[in-house]
């Protein structure tokens, strides 16, 4: 993810065919955390480049409300994964 934070890193990832590898990984990976990270990275690679001055995603200022909503969404996603992991042994019996 860190490499995809800068425009130069995204250009390198795209030029090396990383999207194709990530797409295949996403197709067969079972671990929900890996799938989530893979999906987020794919979105960065296939998305439009940020505006001038925002090329380095690590330096972008995110409004507090949006940051809170993103954190809440991440927390909900993690909670869902936790519940799914807890239910796995019961369904395997």
PDB file of N, CA and C in Angstrom:
ATOM      1  N   UNK A   1       0.811  -1.184   0.000  1.00  0.00           N
ATOM      2  CA  UNK A   1       0.000   0.000   0.000  1.00  0.00           C
ATOM      3  C   UNK A   1       0.856   1.249   0.000  1.00  0.00           C
ATOM      4  N   UNK A   2       1.978   1.231   0.700  1.00  0.00           N
ATOM      5  CA  UNK A   2       2.829   2.414   0.779  1.00  0.00           C
ATOM      6  C   UNK A   2       3.347   2.821  -0.595  1.00  0.00           C
ATOM      7  N   UNK A   3       3.705   1.843  -1.409  1.00  0.00           N
ATOM      8  CA  UNK A   3       4.208   2.144  -2.746  1.00  0.00           C
ATOM      9  C   UNK A   3       3.144   2.843  -3.580  1.00  0.00           C
ATOM     10  N   UNK A   4       1.900   2.506  -3.371  1.00  0.00           N
ATOM     11  CA  UNK A   4       0.804   3.106  -4.134  1.00  0.00           C
ATOM     12  C   UNK A   4       0.441   4.502  -3.636  1.00  0.00           C
ATOM     13  N   UNK A   5       1.074   4.962  -2.575  1.00  0.00           N
ATOM     14  CA  UNK A   5       0.750   6.273  -2.019  1.00  0.00           C
ATOM     15  C   UNK A   5       1.267   7.413  -2.889  1.00  0.00           C
ATOM     16  N   UNK A   6       2.320   7.186  -3.636  1.00  0.00           N
ATOM     17  CA  UNK A   6       2.884   8.253  -4.472  1.00  0.00           C
ATOM     18  C   UNK A   6       2.593   7.991  -5.940  1.00  0.00           C
ATOM     19  N   UNK A   7       2.551   9.068  -6.702  1.00  0.00           N
ATOM     20  CA  UNK A   7       2.285   8.932  -8.132  1.00  0.00           C
ATOM     21  C   UNK A   7       3.348   8.056  -8.792  1.00  0.00           C
ATOM     22  N   UNK A   8       4.617   8.282  -8.447  1.00  0.00           N
ATOM     23  CA  UNK A   8       5.708   7.487  -9.030  1.00  0.00           C
ATOM     24  C   UNK A   8       5.541   6.004  -8.702  1.00  0.00           C
ATOM     25  N   UNK A   9       5.122   5.703  -7.486  1.00  0.00           N
ATOM     26  CA  UNK A   9       4.895   4.313  -7.092  1.00  0.00           C
ATOM     27  C   UNK A   9       3.738   3.691  -7.856  1.00  0.00           C
ATOM     28  N   UNK A  10       2.660   4.452  -8.022  1.00  0.00           N
ATOM     29  CA  UNK A  10       1.501   3.936  -8.774  1.00  0.00           C
ATOM     30  C   UNK A  10       1.872   3.687 -10.227  1.00  0.00           C
ATOM     31  N   UNK A  11       2.660   4.593 -10.800  1.00  0.00           N
ATOM     32  CA  UNK A  11       3.101   4.415 -12.189  1.00  0.00           C
ATOM     33  C   UNK A  11       3.926   3.135 -12.312  1.00  0.00           C
ATOM     34  N   UNK A  12       4.835   2.898 -11.371  1.00  0.00           N
ATOM     35  CA  UNK A  12       5.648   1.676 -11.384  1.00  0.00           C
ATOM     36  C   UNK A  12       4.772   0.428 -11.268  1.00  0.00           C
ATOM     37  N   UNK A  13       3.843   0.450 -10.338  1.00  0.00           N
ATOM     38  CA  UNK A  13       2.959  -0.707 -10.149  1.00  0.00           C
ATOM     39  C   UNK A  13       2.157  -0.998 -11.411  1.00  0.00           C
ATOM     40  N   UNK A  14       1.615   0.058 -12.018  1.00  0.00           N
ATOM     41  CA  UNK A  14       0.827  -0.137 -13.243  1.00  0.00           C
ATOM     42  C   UNK A  14       1.698  -0.648 -14.386  1.00  0.00           C
ATOM     43  N   UNK A  15       2.899  -0.080 -14.535  1.00  0.00           N
ATOM     44  CA  UNK A  15       3.758  -0.445 -15.668  1.00  0.00           C
ATOM     45  C   UNK A  15       4.289  -1.870 -15.556  1.00  0.00           C
ATOM     46  N   UNK A  16       4.295  -2.432 -14.368  1.00  0.00           N
ATOM     47  CA  UNK A  16       4.798  -3.792 -14.147  1.00  0.00           C
ATOM     48  C   UNK A  16       3.700  -4.849 -14.168  1.00  0.00           C
ATOM     49  N   UNK A  17       2.470  -4.443 -14.479  1.00  0.00           N
ATOM     50  CA  UNK A  17       1.378  -5.407 -14.560  1.00  0.00           C
ATOM     51  C   UNK A  17       0.853  -5.859 -13.214  1.00  0.00           C
ATOM     52  N   UNK A  18       1.059  -5.056 -12.197  1.00  0.00           N
ATOM     53  CA  UNK A  18       0.624  -5.439 -10.850  1.00  0.00           C
ATOM     54  C   UNK A  18      -0.877  -5.622 -10.759  1.00  0.00           C
ATOM     55  N   UNK A  19      -1.627  -4.848 -11.523  1.00  0.00           N
ATOM     56  CA  UNK A  19      -3.078  -4.987 -11.476  1.00  0.00           C
ATOM     57  C   UNK A  19      -3.508  -6.412 -11.843  1.00  0.00           C
ATOM     58  N   UNK A  20      -2.879  -6.980 -12.868  1.00  0.00           N
ATOM     59  CA  UNK A  20      -3.237  -8.338 -13.297  1.00  0.00           C
ATOM     60  C   UNK A  20      -2.963  -9.355 -12.191  1.00  0.00           C
ATOM     61  N   UNK A  21      -1.841  -9.194 -11.504  1.00  0.00           N
ATOM     62  CA  UNK A  21      -1.499 -10.102 -10.408  1.00  0.00           C
ATOM     63  C   UNK A  21      -2.508  -9.942  -9.271  1.00  0.00           C
ATOM     64  N   UNK A  22      -2.827  -8.688  -8.925  1.00  0.00           N
ATOM     65  CA  UNK A  22      -3.789  -8.436  -7.854  1.00  0.00           C
ATOM     66  C   UNK A  22      -5.177  -8.962  -8.215  1.00  0.00           C
ATOM     67  N   UNK A  23      -5.567  -8.817  -9.473  1.00  0.00           N
ATOM     68  CA  UNK A  23      -6.869  -9.312  -9.916  1.00  0.00           C
ATOM     69  C   UNK A  23      -6.937 -10.833  -9.743  1.00  0.00           C
ATOM     70  N   UNK A  24      -5.869 -11.530 -10.098  1.00  0.00           N
ATOM     71  CA  UNK A  24      -5.848 -12.985  -9.937  1.00  0.00           C
ATOM     72  C   UNK A  24      -5.833 -13.373  -8.462  1.00  0.00           C
ATOM     73  N   UNK A  25      -5.051 -12.665  -7.665  1.00  0.00           N
ATOM     74  CA  UNK A  25      -5.021 -12.922  -6.220  1.00  0.00           C
ATOM     75  C   UNK A  25      -6.418 -12.749  -5.639  1.00  0.00           C
ATOM     76  N   UNK A  26      -7.099 -11.688  -6.032  1.00  0.00           N
ATOM     77  CA  UNK A  26      -8.436 -11.413  -5.528  1.00  0.00           C
ATOM     78  C   UNK A  26      -9.419 -12.523  -5.919  1.00  0.00           C
ATOM     79  N   UNK A  27      -9.177 -13.152  -7.062  1.00  0.00           N
ATOM     80  CA  UNK A  27     -10.077 -14.195  -7.545  1.00  0.00           C
ATOM     81  C   UNK A  27      -9.997 -15.480  -6.724  1.00  0.00           C
ATOM     82  N   UNK A  28      -8.842 -15.796  -6.142  1.00  0.00           N
ATOM     83  CA  UNK A  28      -8.728 -17.080  -5.422  1.00  0.00           C
ATOM     84  C   UNK A  28      -8.434 -16.951  -3.936  1.00  0.00           C
ATOM     85  N   UNK A  29      -8.060 -15.778  -3.466  1.00  0.00           N
ATOM     86  CA  UNK A  29      -7.730 -15.583  -2.050  1.00  0.00           C
ATOM     87  C   UNK A  29      -8.965 -15.792  -1.179  1.00  0.00           C
ATOM     88  N   UNK A  30      -8.779 -16.440  -0.037  1.00  0.00           N
ATOM     89  CA  UNK A  30      -9.884 -16.719   0.892  1.00  0.00           C
ATOM     90  C   UNK A  30      -9.843 -15.842   2.145  1.00  0.00           C
ATOM     91  N   UNK A  31      -8.664 -15.381   2.522  1.00  0.00           N
ATOM     92  CA  UNK A  31      -8.520 -14.587   3.747  1.00  0.00           C
ATOM     93  C   UNK A  31      -9.203 -13.227   3.558  1.00  0.00           C
ATOM     94  N   UNK A  32     -10.212 -12.917   4.363  1.00  0.00           N
ATOM     95  CA  UNK A  32     -10.953 -11.664   4.209  1.00  0.00           C
ATOM     96  C   UNK A  32     -10.085 -10.411   4.341  1.00  0.00           C
ATOM     97  N   UNK A  33      -9.094 -10.435   5.216  1.00  0.00           N
ATOM     98  CA  UNK A  33      -8.230  -9.270   5.387  1.00  0.00           C
ATOM     99  C   UNK A  33      -7.376  -9.037   4.142  1.00  0.00           C
ATOM    100  N   UNK A  34      -6.857 -10.115   3.564  1.00  0.00           N
ATOM    101  CA  UNK A  34      -6.062  -9.996   2.337  1.00  0.00           C
ATOM    102  C   UNK A  34      -6.953  -9.518   1.196  1.00  0.00           C
ATOM    103  N   UNK A  35      -8.157 -10.060   1.116  1.00  0.00           N
ATOM    104  CA  UNK A  35      -9.104  -9.636   0.081  1.00  0.00           C
ATOM    105  C   UNK A  35      -9.426  -8.153   0.192  1.00  0.00           C
ATOM    106  N   UNK A  36      -9.646  -7.687   1.396  1.00  0.00           N
ATOM    107  CA  UNK A  36      -9.975  -6.282   1.619  1.00  0.00           C
ATOM    108  C   UNK A  36      -8.820  -5.382   1.178  1.00  0.00           C
ATOM    109  N   UNK A  37      -7.618  -5.722   1.589  1.00  0.00           N
ATOM    110  CA  UNK A  37      -6.439  -4.937   1.213  1.00  0.00           C
ATOM    111  C   UNK A  37      -6.226  -4.975  -0.286  1.00  0.00           C
ATOM    112  N   UNK A  38      -6.392  -6.133  -0.873  1.00  0.00           N
ATOM    113  CA  UNK A  38      -6.247  -6.306  -2.315  1.00  0.00           C
ATOM    114  C   UNK A  38      -7.256  -5.422  -3.051  1.00  0.00           C
ATOM    115  N   UNK A  39      -8.490  -5.452  -2.599  1.00  0.00           N
ATOM    116  CA  UNK A  39      -9.543  -4.651  -3.223  1.00  0.00           C
ATOM    117  C   UNK A  39      -9.213  -3.162  -3.148  1.00  0.00           C
ATOM    118  N   UNK A  40      -8.766  -2.700  -1.991  1.00  0.00           N
ATOM    119  CA  UNK A  40      -8.426  -1.280  -1.825  1.00  0.00           C
ATOM    120  C   UNK A  40      -7.272  -0.878  -2.738  1.00  0.00           C
ATOM    121  N   UNK A  41      -6.266  -1.732  -2.847  1.00  0.00           N
ATOM    122  CA  UNK A  41      -5.123  -1.435  -3.707  1.00  0.00           C
ATOM    123  C   UNK A  41      -5.540  -1.420  -5.174  1.00  0.00           C
ATOM    124  N   UNK A  42      -6.385  -2.350  -5.570  1.00  0.00           N
ATOM    125  CA  UNK A  42      -6.885  -2.358  -6.952  1.00  0.00           C
ATOM    126  C   UNK A  42      -7.616  -1.049  -7.247  1.00  0.00           C
ATOM    127  N   UNK A  43      -8.432  -0.587  -6.306  1.00  0.00           N
ATOM    128  CA  UNK A  43      -9.157   0.671  -6.515  1.00  0.00           C
ATOM    129  C   UNK A  43      -8.207   1.842  -6.721  1.00  0.00           C
ATOM    130  N   UNK A  44      -7.116   1.861  -5.988  1.00  0.00           N
ATOM    131  CA  UNK A  44      -6.125   2.932  -6.154  1.00  0.00           C
ATOM    132  C   UNK A  44      -5.476   2.842  -7.531  1.00  0.00           C
ATOM    133  N   UNK A  45      -5.169   1.633  -7.966  1.00  0.00           N
ATOM    134  CA  UNK A  45      -4.474   1.464  -9.249  1.00  0.00           C
ATOM    135  C   UNK A  45      -5.368   1.739 -10.454  1.00  0.00           C
ATOM    136  N   UNK A  46      -6.647   1.416 -10.363  1.00  0.00           N
ATOM    137  CA  UNK A  46      -7.516   1.622 -11.526  1.00  0.00           C
ATOM    138  C   UNK A  46      -8.221   2.974 -11.485  1.00  0.00           C
ATOM    139  N   UNK A  47      -8.135   3.657 -10.355  1.00  0.00           N
ATOM    140  CA  UNK A  47      -8.798   4.950 -10.228  1.00  0.00           C
ATOM    141  C   UNK A  47      -8.057   6.055 -10.969  1.00  0.00           C
ATOM    142  N   UNK A  48      -8.735   7.178 -11.130  1.00  0.00           N
ATOM    143  CA  UNK A  48      -8.116   8.353 -11.734  1.00  0.00           C
ATOM    144  C   UNK A  48      -7.032   8.881 -10.808  1.00  0.00           C
ATOM    145  N   UNK A  49      -6.020   9.486 -11.403  1.00  0.00           N
ATOM    146  CA  UNK A  49      -4.960  10.099 -10.599  1.00  0.00           C
ATOM    147  C   UNK A  49      -5.526  11.318  -9.866  1.00  0.00           C
ATOM    148  N   UNK A  50      -5.079  11.530  -8.645  1.00  0.00           N
ATOM    149  CA  UNK A  50      -5.527  12.696  -7.876  1.00  0.00           C
ATOM    150  C   UNK A  50      -5.112  14.005  -8.552  1.00  0.00           C
ATOM    151  N   UNK A  51      -5.765  15.079  -8.146  1.00  0.00           N
ATOM    152  CA  UNK A  51      -5.456  16.407  -8.675  1.00  0.00           C
ATOM    153  C   UNK A  51      -4.013  16.796  -8.374  1.00  0.00           C
ATOM    154  N   UNK A  52      -3.549  17.812  -9.099  1.00  0.00           N
ATOM    155  CA  UNK A  52      -2.216  18.351  -8.853  1.00  0.00           C
ATOM    156  C   UNK A  52      -2.139  18.805  -7.398  1.00  0.00           C
ATOM    157  N   UNK A  53      -1.048  18.469  -6.744  1.00  0.00           N
ATOM    158  CA  UNK A  53      -0.867  18.818  -5.341  1.00  0.00           C
ATOM    159  C   UNK A  53      -1.327  17.722  -4.398  1.00  0.00           C
ATOM    160  N   UNK A  54      -1.985  16.703  -4.943  1.00  0.00           N
ATOM    161  CA  UNK A  54      -2.477  15.604  -4.101  1.00  0.00           C
ATOM    162  C   UNK A  54      -1.886  14.272  -4.553  1.00  0.00           C
ATOM    163  N   UNK A  55      -0.801  14.319  -5.310  1.00  0.00           N
ATOM    164  CA  UNK A  55      -0.215  13.107  -5.869  1.00  0.00           C
ATOM    165  C   UNK A  55       0.274  12.139  -4.808  1.00  0.00           C
ATOM    166  N   UNK A  56       0.756  12.671  -3.677  1.00  0.00           N
ATOM    167  CA  UNK A  56       1.222  11.817  -2.581  1.00  0.00           C
ATOM    168  C   UNK A  56       0.062  11.652  -1.602  1.00  0.00           C
ATOM    169  N   UNK A  57      -0.558  10.490  -1.624  1.00  0.00           N
ATOM    170  CA  UNK A  57      -1.746  10.249  -0.811  1.00  0.00           C
ATOM    171  C   UNK A  57      -1.459  10.278   0.690  1.00  0.00           C
ATOM    172  N   UNK A  58      -0.189  10.109   1.070  1.00  0.00           N
ATOM    173  CA  UNK A  58       0.161  10.168   2.493  1.00  0.00           C
ATOM    174  C   UNK A  58       0.153  11.598   3.019  1.00  0.00           C
ATOM    175  N   UNK A  59       0.205  12.569   2.115  1.00  0.00           N
ATOM    176  CA  UNK A  59       0.251  13.971   2.515  1.00  0.00           C
ATOM    177  C   UNK A  59      -1.081  14.689   2.332  1.00  0.00           C
ATOM    178  N   UNK A  60      -2.104  13.987   1.897  1.00  0.00           N
ATOM    179  CA  UNK A  60      -3.413  14.594   1.667  1.00  0.00           C
ATOM    180  C   UNK A  60      -4.115  14.797   2.999  1.00  0.00           C
ATOM    181  N   UNK A  61      -4.676  15.981   3.183  1.00  0.00           N
ATOM    182  CA  UNK A  61      -5.443  16.263   4.390  1.00  0.00           C
ATOM    183  C   UNK A  61      -6.883  15.810   4.169  1.00  0.00           C
ATOM    184  N   UNK A  62      -7.340  14.947   5.048  1.00  0.00           N
ATOM    185  CA  UNK A  62      -8.693  14.404   4.952  1.00  0.00           C
ATOM    186  C   UNK A  62      -9.565  15.124   5.974  1.00  0.00           C
ATOM    187  N   UNK A  63     -10.709  15.644   5.538  1.00  0.00           N
ATOM    188  CA  UNK A  63     -11.609  16.304   6.495  1.00  0.00           C
ATOM    189  C   UNK A  63     -11.966  15.353   7.636  1.00  0.00           C
ATOM    190  N   UNK A  64     -12.090  15.928   8.855  1.00  0.00           N
ATOM    191  CA  UNK A  64     -12.342  15.111  10.048  1.00  0.00           C
ATOM    192  C   UNK A  64     -13.559  14.202   9.908  1.00  0.00           C
ATOM    193  N   UNK A  65     -14.655  14.727   9.379  1.00  0.00           N
ATOM    194  CA  UNK A  65     -15.888  13.935   9.248  1.00  0.00           C
ATOM    195  C   UNK A  65     -15.676  12.749   8.324  1.00  0.00           C
ATOM    196  N   UNK A  66     -14.994  12.950   7.206  1.00  0.00           N
ATOM    197  CA  UNK A  66     -14.723  11.858   6.277  1.00  0.00           C
ATOM    198  C   UNK A  66     -13.784  10.841   6.915  1.00  0.00           C
ATOM    199  N   UNK A  67     -12.771  11.320   7.617  1.00  0.00           N
ATOM    200  CA  UNK A  67     -11.846  10.407   8.295  1.00  0.00           C
ATOM    201  C   UNK A  67     -12.578   9.553   9.323  1.00  0.00           C
ATOM    202  N   UNK A  68     -13.502  10.166  10.061  1.00  0.00           N
ATOM    203  CA  UNK A  68     -14.292   9.427  11.054  1.00  0.00           C
ATOM    204  C   UNK A  68     -15.142   8.359  10.368  1.00  0.00           C
ATOM    205  N   UNK A  69     -15.794   8.715   9.262  1.00  0.00           N
ATOM    206  CA  UNK A  69     -16.635   7.751   8.554  1.00  0.00           C
ATOM    207  C   UNK A  69     -15.799   6.602   7.993  1.00  0.00           C
ATOM    208  N   UNK A  70     -14.620   6.908   7.482  1.00  0.00           N
ATOM    209  CA  UNK A  70     -13.743   5.851   6.960  1.00  0.00           C
ATOM    210  C   UNK A  70     -13.285   4.918   8.081  1.00  0.00           C
ATOM    211  N   UNK A  71     -12.926   5.498   9.230  1.00  0.00           N
ATOM    212  CA  UNK A  71     -12.534   4.678  10.374  1.00  0.00           C
ATOM    213  C   UNK A  71     -13.685   3.801  10.839  1.00  0.00           C
ATOM    214  N   UNK A  72     -14.892   4.375  10.874  1.00  0.00           N
ATOM    215  CA  UNK A  72     -16.080   3.599  11.263  1.00  0.00           C
ATOM    216  C   UNK A  72     -16.310   2.445  10.288  1.00  0.00           C
ATOM    217  N   UNK A  73     -16.163   2.712   8.996  1.00  0.00           N
ATOM    218  CA  UNK A  73     -16.351   1.664   7.983  1.00  0.00           C
ATOM    219  C   UNK A  73     -15.311   0.562   8.155  1.00  0.00           C
ATOM    220  N   UNK A  74     -14.058   0.935   8.427  1.00  0.00           N
ATOM    221  CA  UNK A  74     -13.014  -0.064   8.669  1.00  0.00           C
ATOM    222  C   UNK A  74     -13.327  -0.894   9.905  1.00  0.00           C
ATOM    223  N   UNK A  75     -13.805  -0.235  10.951  1.00  0.00           N
ATOM    224  CA  UNK A  75     -14.159  -0.942  12.186  1.00  0.00           C
ATOM    225  C   UNK A  75     -15.307  -1.928  11.935  1.00  0.00           C
ATOM    226  N   UNK A  76     -16.310  -1.488  11.180  1.00  0.00           N
ATOM    227  CA  UNK A  76     -17.437  -2.370  10.866  1.00  0.00           C
ATOM    228  C   UNK A  76     -16.986  -3.563  10.030  1.00  0.00           C
ATOM    229  N   UNK A  77     -16.092  -3.317   9.081  1.00  0.00           N
ATOM    230  CA  UNK A  77     -15.565  -4.405   8.252  1.00  0.00           C
ATOM    231  C   UNK A  77     -14.796  -5.405   9.106  1.00  0.00           C
ATOM    232  N   UNK A  78     -13.989  -4.912  10.026  1.00  0.00           N
ATOM    233  CA  UNK A  78     -13.230  -5.795  10.915  1.00  0.00           C
ATOM    234  C   UNK A  78     -14.167  -6.580  11.825  1.00  0.00           C
ATOM    235  N   UNK A  79     -15.205  -5.934  12.319  1.00  0.00           N
ATOM    236  CA  UNK A  79     -16.182  -6.611  13.174  1.00  0.00           C
ATOM    237  C   UNK A  79     -16.888  -7.722  12.397  1.00  0.00           C
ATOM    238  N   UNK A  80     -17.233  -7.466  11.156  1.00  0.00           N
ATOM    239  CA  UNK A  80     -17.877  -8.479  10.320  1.00  0.00           C
ATOM    240  C   UNK A  80     -16.947  -9.666  10.108  1.00  0.00           C
ATOM    241  N   UNK A  81     -15.669  -9.387   9.846  1.00  0.00           N
ATOM    242  CA  UNK A  81     -14.691 -10.479   9.669  1.00  0.00           C
ATOM    243  C   UNK A  81     -14.552 -11.288  10.951  1.00  0.00           C
ATOM    244  N   UNK A  82     -14.536 -10.603  12.101  1.00  0.00           N
ATOM    245  CA  UNK A  82     -14.423 -11.289  13.389  1.00  0.00           C
ATOM    246  C   UNK A  82     -15.611 -12.218  13.600  1.00  0.00           C
ATOM    247  N   UNK A  83     -16.816 -11.734  13.299  1.00  0.00           N
ATOM    248  CA  UNK A  83     -18.015 -12.555  13.452  1.00  0.00           C
ATOM    249  C   UNK A  83     -17.965 -13.769  12.530  1.00  0.00           C
ATOM    250  N   UNK A  84     -17.513 -13.562  11.309  1.00  0.00           N
ATOM    251  CA  UNK A  84     -17.416 -14.672  10.362  1.00  0.00           C
ATOM    252  C   UNK A  84     -16.412 -15.716  10.839  1.00  0.00           C
ATOM    253  N   UNK A  85     -15.289 -15.265  11.419  1.00  0.00           N
ATOM    254  CA  UNK A  85     -14.295 -16.207  11.938  1.00  0.00           C
ATOM    255  C   UNK A  85     -14.855 -16.999  13.109  1.00  0.00           C
ATOM    256  N   UNK A  86     -15.633 -16.336  13.967  1.00  0.00           N
ATOM    257  CA  UNK A  86     -16.230 -17.020  15.117  1.00  0.00           C
ATOM    258  C   UNK A  86     -17.265 -18.048  14.684  1.00  0.00           C
ATOM    259  N   UNK A  87     -17.984 -17.781  13.598  1.00  0.00           N
ATOM    260  CA  UNK A  87     -19.024 -18.683  13.125  1.00  0.00           C
ATOM    261  C   UNK A  87     -18.462 -19.854  12.331  1.00  0.00           C
ATOM    262  N   UNK A  88     -17.273 -19.723  11.780  1.00  0.00           N
ATOM    263  CA  UNK A  88     -16.674 -20.783  10.954  1.00  0.00           C
ATOM    264  C   UNK A  88     -16.646 -22.146  11.633  1.00  0.00           C
ATOM    265  N   UNK A  89     -16.111 -22.280  12.844  1.00  0.00           N
ATOM    266  CA  UNK A  89     -16.063 -23.606  13.464  1.00  0.00           C
ATOM    267  C   UNK A  89     -17.439 -24.230  13.652  1.00  0.00           C
ATOM    268  N   UNK A  90     -18.445 -23.420  13.954  1.00  0.00           N
ATOM    269  CA  UNK A  90     -19.795 -23.946  14.171  1.00  0.00           C
ATOM    270  C   UNK A  90     -20.379 -24.528  12.886  1.00  0.00           C
ATOM    271  N   UNK A  91     -20.132 -23.880  11.764  1.00  0.00           N
ATOM    272  CA  UNK A  91     -20.696 -24.370  10.507  1.00  0.00           C
ATOM    273  C   UNK A  91     -19.915 -25.562   9.973  1.00  0.00           C
ATOM    274  N   UNK A  92     -18.708 -25.756  10.439  1.00  0.00           N
ATOM    275  CA  UNK A  92     -17.882 -26.888   9.965  1.00  0.00           C
ATOM    276  C   UNK A  92     -18.234 -28.185  10.677  1.00  0.00           C
ATOM    277  N   UNK A  93     -18.996 -28.105  11.752  1.00  0.00           N
ATOM    278  CA  UNK A  93     -19.332 -29.317  12.528  1.00  0.00           C
ATOM    279  C   UNK A  93     -20.337 -30.183  11.849  1.00  0.00           C
TER     280      UNK A  93
END
